[in-house]
N, C-alpha and C. Protein backbone atom coordinates (compact mmCIF):
# COMPACT_ATOMS: atom_id res chain seq x y z
N MET A 1 0.84 -1.17 0.00
CA MET A 1 0.00 0.00 0.00
C MET A 1 0.89 1.23 0.00
N THR A 2 0.56 2.19 -0.83
CA THR A 2 1.27 3.47 -0.87
C THR A 2 0.57 4.45 0.05
N VAL A 3 1.35 5.18 0.83
CA VAL A 3 0.80 6.25 1.67
C VAL A 3 1.48 7.54 1.26
N ALA A 4 0.70 8.55 0.93
CA ALA A 4 1.22 9.85 0.52
C ALA A 4 0.78 10.91 1.51
N THR A 5 1.51 12.00 1.54
CA THR A 5 1.10 13.14 2.36
C THR A 5 0.76 14.29 1.44
N ASP A 6 -0.20 15.07 1.83
CA ASP A 6 -0.67 16.18 1.03
C ASP A 6 -0.17 17.49 1.64
N SER A 7 0.33 18.38 0.82
CA SER A 7 0.75 19.73 1.23
C SER A 7 1.90 19.72 2.24
N LEU A 8 2.77 18.74 2.15
CA LEU A 8 3.94 18.69 3.02
C LEU A 8 5.14 19.14 2.22
N VAL A 9 5.79 20.22 2.66
CA VAL A 9 6.95 20.76 1.95
C VAL A 9 8.21 20.16 2.56
N LEU A 10 8.99 19.47 1.74
CA LEU A 10 10.22 18.82 2.21
C LEU A 10 11.43 19.54 1.65
N PRO A 11 12.54 19.54 2.39
CA PRO A 11 13.76 20.17 1.85
C PRO A 11 14.29 19.39 0.66
N ARG A 12 14.96 20.09 -0.25
CA ARG A 12 15.50 19.44 -1.45
C ARG A 12 16.80 18.69 -1.16
N SER A 13 17.48 19.06 -0.11
CA SER A 13 18.72 18.37 0.24
C SER A 13 18.91 18.45 1.75
N GLY A 14 19.90 17.72 2.24
CA GLY A 14 20.17 17.71 3.67
C GLY A 14 19.49 16.51 4.32
N GLN A 15 19.32 16.61 5.60
CA GLN A 15 18.76 15.50 6.37
C GLN A 15 17.32 15.80 6.76
N ILE A 16 16.53 14.76 6.81
CA ILE A 16 15.15 14.90 7.25
C ILE A 16 14.81 13.75 8.19
N ARG A 17 14.07 14.07 9.20
CA ARG A 17 13.57 13.04 10.11
C ARG A 17 12.08 13.30 10.29
N MET A 18 11.31 12.25 10.09
CA MET A 18 9.87 12.37 10.21
C MET A 18 9.36 11.29 11.15
N ASP A 19 8.68 11.71 12.17
CA ASP A 19 7.99 10.79 13.05
C ASP A 19 6.50 11.09 12.91
N ILE A 20 5.77 10.15 12.35
CA ILE A 20 4.35 10.36 12.13
C ILE A 20 3.59 9.29 12.89
N ARG A 21 2.68 9.74 13.70
CA ARG A 21 1.85 8.81 14.45
C ARG A 21 0.41 9.21 14.20
N VAL A 22 -0.29 8.37 13.48
CA VAL A 22 -1.67 8.64 13.11
C VAL A 22 -2.49 7.42 13.48
N SER A 23 -3.68 7.68 13.98
CA SER A 23 -4.54 6.57 14.35
C SER A 23 -5.93 6.79 13.76
N ALA A 24 -6.43 5.77 13.12
CA ALA A 24 -7.78 5.81 12.57
C ALA A 24 -8.23 4.38 12.33
N ASP A 25 -9.52 4.19 12.37
CA ASP A 25 -10.08 2.88 12.03
C ASP A 25 -10.35 2.85 10.54
N ILE A 26 -9.79 1.85 9.87
CA ILE A 26 -10.04 1.71 8.44
C ILE A 26 -11.33 0.90 8.29
N ASN A 27 -12.43 1.62 8.20
CA ASN A 27 -13.74 0.98 8.04
C ASN A 27 -14.08 0.78 6.57
N VAL A 28 -13.39 1.50 5.71
CA VAL A 28 -13.62 1.42 4.27
C VAL A 28 -12.28 1.10 3.61
N GLY A 29 -12.18 -0.07 3.00
CA GLY A 29 -10.96 -0.47 2.33
C GLY A 29 -10.83 0.15 0.96
N ALA A 30 -9.67 -0.02 0.34
CA ALA A 30 -9.40 0.56 -0.97
C ALA A 30 -10.39 0.08 -2.03
N ALA A 31 -10.70 -1.21 -2.03
CA ALA A 31 -11.62 -1.75 -3.05
C ALA A 31 -13.02 -1.17 -2.90
N VAL A 32 -13.48 -1.02 -1.67
CA VAL A 32 -14.80 -0.43 -1.43
C VAL A 32 -14.81 1.04 -1.85
N ALA A 33 -13.75 1.76 -1.51
CA ALA A 33 -13.66 3.18 -1.91
C ALA A 33 -13.72 3.31 -3.43
N ARG A 34 -13.01 2.44 -4.12
CA ARG A 34 -13.01 2.48 -5.59
C ARG A 34 -14.41 2.20 -6.15
N ARG A 35 -15.09 1.20 -5.58
CA ARG A 35 -16.45 0.88 -6.03
C ARG A 35 -17.41 2.04 -5.77
N ARG A 36 -17.27 2.69 -4.62
CA ARG A 36 -18.15 3.83 -4.30
C ARG A 36 -17.92 4.98 -5.28
N VAL A 37 -16.67 5.22 -5.63
CA VAL A 37 -16.37 6.28 -6.58
C VAL A 37 -16.93 5.92 -7.95
N ASN A 38 -16.77 4.68 -8.38
CA ASN A 38 -17.33 4.26 -9.68
C ASN A 38 -18.85 4.43 -9.71
N ALA A 39 -19.53 4.05 -8.63
CA ALA A 39 -20.99 4.20 -8.58
C ALA A 39 -21.37 5.68 -8.63
N PHE A 40 -20.65 6.51 -7.90
CA PHE A 40 -20.92 7.95 -7.89
C PHE A 40 -20.72 8.54 -9.28
N LEU A 41 -19.61 8.19 -9.93
CA LEU A 41 -19.33 8.72 -11.27
C LEU A 41 -20.42 8.33 -12.26
N ALA A 42 -20.86 7.08 -12.21
CA ALA A 42 -21.87 6.60 -13.15
C ALA A 42 -23.20 7.34 -12.98
N THR A 43 -23.53 7.70 -11.74
CA THR A 43 -24.83 8.34 -11.50
C THR A 43 -24.79 9.86 -11.52
N HIS A 44 -23.61 10.46 -11.30
CA HIS A 44 -23.53 11.92 -11.20
C HIS A 44 -22.71 12.60 -12.29
N VAL A 45 -21.88 11.87 -12.98
CA VAL A 45 -21.00 12.51 -13.97
C VAL A 45 -21.17 11.88 -15.34
N GLY A 46 -20.88 10.61 -15.47
CA GLY A 46 -21.00 9.95 -16.76
C GLY A 46 -20.41 8.56 -16.71
N ASN A 47 -20.87 7.70 -17.59
CA ASN A 47 -20.44 6.30 -17.54
C ASN A 47 -19.10 6.04 -18.19
N LEU A 48 -18.46 7.04 -18.77
CA LEU A 48 -17.14 6.84 -19.39
C LEU A 48 -15.99 7.20 -18.45
N LEU A 49 -16.31 7.57 -17.21
CA LEU A 49 -15.28 7.84 -16.22
C LEU A 49 -15.13 6.62 -15.33
N LEU A 50 -13.87 6.27 -15.02
CA LEU A 50 -13.60 5.04 -14.29
C LEU A 50 -12.56 5.30 -13.21
N ALA A 51 -12.84 4.80 -12.00
CA ALA A 51 -11.90 4.93 -10.89
C ALA A 51 -10.72 3.99 -11.09
N ASP A 52 -9.55 4.45 -10.64
CA ASP A 52 -8.33 3.64 -10.70
C ASP A 52 -7.95 3.24 -9.28
N GLU A 53 -6.76 2.72 -9.08
CA GLU A 53 -6.30 2.19 -7.80
C GLU A 53 -6.11 3.31 -6.76
N PRO A 54 -6.81 3.24 -5.62
CA PRO A 54 -6.69 4.28 -4.59
C PRO A 54 -5.33 4.27 -3.90
N VAL A 55 -4.95 5.45 -3.40
CA VAL A 55 -3.74 5.63 -2.60
C VAL A 55 -4.17 6.26 -1.29
N MET A 56 -3.66 5.75 -0.17
CA MET A 56 -3.98 6.36 1.12
C MET A 56 -3.19 7.65 1.26
N VAL A 57 -3.89 8.73 1.64
CA VAL A 57 -3.27 10.05 1.74
C VAL A 57 -3.61 10.66 3.09
N LEU A 58 -2.61 11.30 3.70
CA LEU A 58 -2.82 12.02 4.95
C LEU A 58 -3.09 13.48 4.61
N THR A 59 -4.30 13.94 4.86
CA THR A 59 -4.66 15.34 4.70
C THR A 59 -5.08 15.82 6.08
N ASP A 60 -6.12 16.62 6.17
CA ASP A 60 -6.64 16.96 7.49
C ASP A 60 -7.33 15.76 8.11
N ARG A 61 -7.56 14.73 7.33
CA ARG A 61 -8.03 13.42 7.77
C ARG A 61 -7.36 12.38 6.87
N ILE A 62 -7.57 11.11 7.15
CA ILE A 62 -6.97 10.07 6.32
C ILE A 62 -8.01 9.65 5.29
N VAL A 63 -7.60 9.64 4.03
CA VAL A 63 -8.52 9.36 2.93
C VAL A 63 -7.88 8.38 1.95
N TRP A 64 -8.74 7.76 1.18
CA TRP A 64 -8.31 7.07 -0.03
C TRP A 64 -8.44 8.08 -1.15
N ARG A 65 -7.36 8.39 -1.83
CA ARG A 65 -7.42 9.28 -3.00
C ARG A 65 -7.57 8.37 -4.21
N VAL A 66 -8.71 8.49 -4.87
CA VAL A 66 -9.05 7.60 -5.98
C VAL A 66 -8.91 8.36 -7.29
N PRO A 67 -7.92 8.00 -8.12
CA PRO A 67 -7.78 8.64 -9.43
C PRO A 67 -8.96 8.32 -10.33
N VAL A 68 -9.32 9.28 -11.17
CA VAL A 68 -10.43 9.10 -12.10
C VAL A 68 -9.90 9.31 -13.52
N ASP A 69 -10.16 8.33 -14.39
CA ASP A 69 -9.72 8.38 -15.78
C ASP A 69 -10.92 8.39 -16.72
N LEU A 70 -10.72 9.01 -17.87
CA LEU A 70 -11.70 8.93 -18.95
C LEU A 70 -11.40 7.67 -19.75
N THR A 71 -12.45 6.94 -20.11
CA THR A 71 -12.28 5.74 -20.92
C THR A 71 -13.11 5.86 -22.19
N ALA A 72 -12.78 5.03 -23.14
CA ALA A 72 -13.56 4.94 -24.38
C ALA A 72 -13.69 3.46 -24.74
N PRO A 73 -14.84 3.04 -25.21
CA PRO A 73 -15.03 1.61 -25.53
C PRO A 73 -13.99 1.08 -26.51
N SER A 74 -13.57 1.90 -27.47
CA SER A 74 -12.66 1.41 -28.50
C SER A 74 -11.19 1.47 -28.10
N THR A 75 -10.83 2.38 -27.18
CA THR A 75 -9.41 2.57 -26.86
C THR A 75 -9.04 2.30 -25.41
N GLY A 76 -10.01 2.13 -24.53
CA GLY A 76 -9.70 1.94 -23.11
C GLY A 76 -9.46 3.27 -22.43
N ARG A 77 -8.55 3.29 -21.48
CA ARG A 77 -8.27 4.51 -20.72
C ARG A 77 -7.61 5.56 -21.62
N MET A 78 -8.22 6.74 -21.64
CA MET A 78 -7.71 7.83 -22.49
C MET A 78 -6.83 8.80 -21.72
N GLY A 79 -7.07 8.95 -20.42
CA GLY A 79 -6.26 9.86 -19.63
C GLY A 79 -6.90 10.20 -18.30
N HIS A 80 -6.10 10.81 -17.45
CA HIS A 80 -6.49 11.18 -16.09
C HIS A 80 -7.27 12.48 -16.10
N VAL A 81 -8.40 12.52 -15.37
CA VAL A 81 -9.21 13.74 -15.33
C VAL A 81 -9.37 14.30 -13.92
N GLY A 82 -8.97 13.57 -12.89
CA GLY A 82 -9.09 14.09 -11.53
C GLY A 82 -8.99 13.01 -10.48
N GLU A 83 -9.32 13.39 -9.24
CA GLU A 83 -9.33 12.46 -8.12
C GLU A 83 -10.54 12.76 -7.24
N ILE A 84 -10.97 11.73 -6.54
CA ILE A 84 -12.00 11.89 -5.52
C ILE A 84 -11.47 11.23 -4.25
N ASP A 85 -11.52 11.97 -3.14
CA ASP A 85 -11.10 11.43 -1.85
C ASP A 85 -12.27 10.75 -1.16
N VAL A 86 -11.97 9.64 -0.46
CA VAL A 86 -12.96 8.91 0.30
C VAL A 86 -12.43 8.74 1.72
N ASP A 87 -13.17 9.22 2.71
CA ASP A 87 -12.77 9.11 4.11
C ASP A 87 -12.69 7.64 4.50
N ILE A 88 -11.55 7.22 5.11
CA ILE A 88 -11.36 5.79 5.42
C ILE A 88 -12.22 5.32 6.58
N GLU A 89 -12.67 6.24 7.40
CA GLU A 89 -13.51 5.84 8.54
C GLU A 89 -14.99 5.84 8.19
N SER A 90 -15.46 6.90 7.56
CA SER A 90 -16.90 7.04 7.31
C SER A 90 -17.32 6.58 5.92
N GLY A 91 -16.39 6.55 4.96
CA GLY A 91 -16.73 6.22 3.58
C GLY A 91 -17.29 7.40 2.81
N GLU A 92 -17.33 8.57 3.45
CA GLU A 92 -17.86 9.77 2.79
C GLU A 92 -17.00 10.15 1.60
N LEU A 93 -17.65 10.45 0.47
CA LEU A 93 -16.94 10.95 -0.70
C LEU A 93 -16.75 12.46 -0.53
N LEU A 94 -15.51 12.89 -0.62
CA LEU A 94 -15.18 14.29 -0.41
C LEU A 94 -14.98 14.95 -1.77
N VAL A 95 -16.06 15.36 -2.37
CA VAL A 95 -16.04 15.92 -3.72
C VAL A 95 -17.05 17.05 -3.78
N ASP A 96 -16.71 18.07 -4.53
CA ASP A 96 -17.63 19.20 -4.66
C ASP A 96 -17.88 19.51 -6.14
N ASP A 97 -18.78 20.45 -6.37
CA ASP A 97 -19.16 20.79 -7.75
C ASP A 97 -17.99 21.34 -8.56
N VAL A 98 -17.06 22.05 -7.92
CA VAL A 98 -15.90 22.60 -8.62
C VAL A 98 -15.02 21.46 -9.15
N GLN A 99 -14.79 20.45 -8.32
CA GLN A 99 -14.01 19.29 -8.76
C GLN A 99 -14.69 18.57 -9.91
N LEU A 100 -15.99 18.37 -9.78
CA LEU A 100 -16.73 17.67 -10.83
C LEU A 100 -16.69 18.43 -12.14
N GLU A 101 -16.83 19.74 -12.07
CA GLU A 101 -16.78 20.55 -13.28
C GLU A 101 -15.39 20.47 -13.92
N GLY A 102 -14.34 20.47 -13.09
CA GLY A 102 -12.98 20.31 -13.61
C GLY A 102 -12.79 18.97 -14.31
N MET A 103 -13.36 17.90 -13.74
CA MET A 103 -13.27 16.58 -14.38
C MET A 103 -14.00 16.58 -15.71
N ARG A 104 -15.18 17.17 -15.74
CA ARG A 104 -15.94 17.24 -17.00
C ARG A 104 -15.15 18.01 -18.06
N HIS A 105 -14.55 19.12 -17.64
CA HIS A 105 -13.77 19.95 -18.57
C HIS A 105 -12.58 19.17 -19.13
N ARG A 106 -11.81 18.50 -18.24
CA ARG A 106 -10.65 17.73 -18.69
C ARG A 106 -11.09 16.55 -19.58
N ALA A 107 -12.23 15.94 -19.25
CA ALA A 107 -12.74 14.84 -20.09
C ALA A 107 -13.11 15.35 -21.47
N ASN A 108 -13.75 16.52 -21.53
CA ASN A 108 -14.11 17.10 -22.84
C ASN A 108 -12.86 17.43 -23.65
N ASP A 109 -11.83 17.96 -22.99
CA ASP A 109 -10.56 18.26 -23.68
C ASP A 109 -9.92 16.99 -24.25
N LEU A 110 -9.89 15.93 -23.44
CA LEU A 110 -9.31 14.66 -23.93
C LEU A 110 -10.10 14.11 -25.09
N THR A 111 -11.41 14.20 -25.02
CA THR A 111 -12.26 13.70 -26.10
C THR A 111 -12.04 14.50 -27.39
N ALA A 112 -11.93 15.83 -27.25
CA ALA A 112 -11.70 16.68 -28.41
C ALA A 112 -10.35 16.39 -29.05
N ARG A 113 -9.32 16.19 -28.24
CA ARG A 113 -7.99 15.88 -28.79
C ARG A 113 -7.97 14.53 -29.49
N ALA A 114 -8.68 13.57 -28.92
CA ALA A 114 -8.73 12.24 -29.53
C ALA A 114 -9.48 12.25 -30.87
N ALA A 115 -10.45 13.15 -30.98
CA ALA A 115 -11.26 13.23 -32.22
C ALA A 115 -10.53 13.95 -33.35
N SER A 116 -9.53 14.75 -32.99
CA SER A 116 -8.84 15.52 -34.06
C SER A 116 -7.63 14.82 -34.61
């Protein structure tokens, strides 16, 4: 499992020491988070968007960051359009209208480039 940190600025050289102690109950696993994102995308955005493999990320809470790709029946995955975070304890999808609009915009751009 990959664990990433969000908004952490690290020095480019020299020594670093990090002691991280985080505690949370993982009530929602990576596979469940991915399925929830796929169901959300199909009902709220479009059926050509597909969730990829989640990565656990430390933000102000611990989340599964689920990449979202545009797909096409004839070519498969066309490209990355965004991410949706899923809280590991509650399963809540942390997504807003601005994120969704950005995904739609990037999906339209990828579709236009593929058509030309």
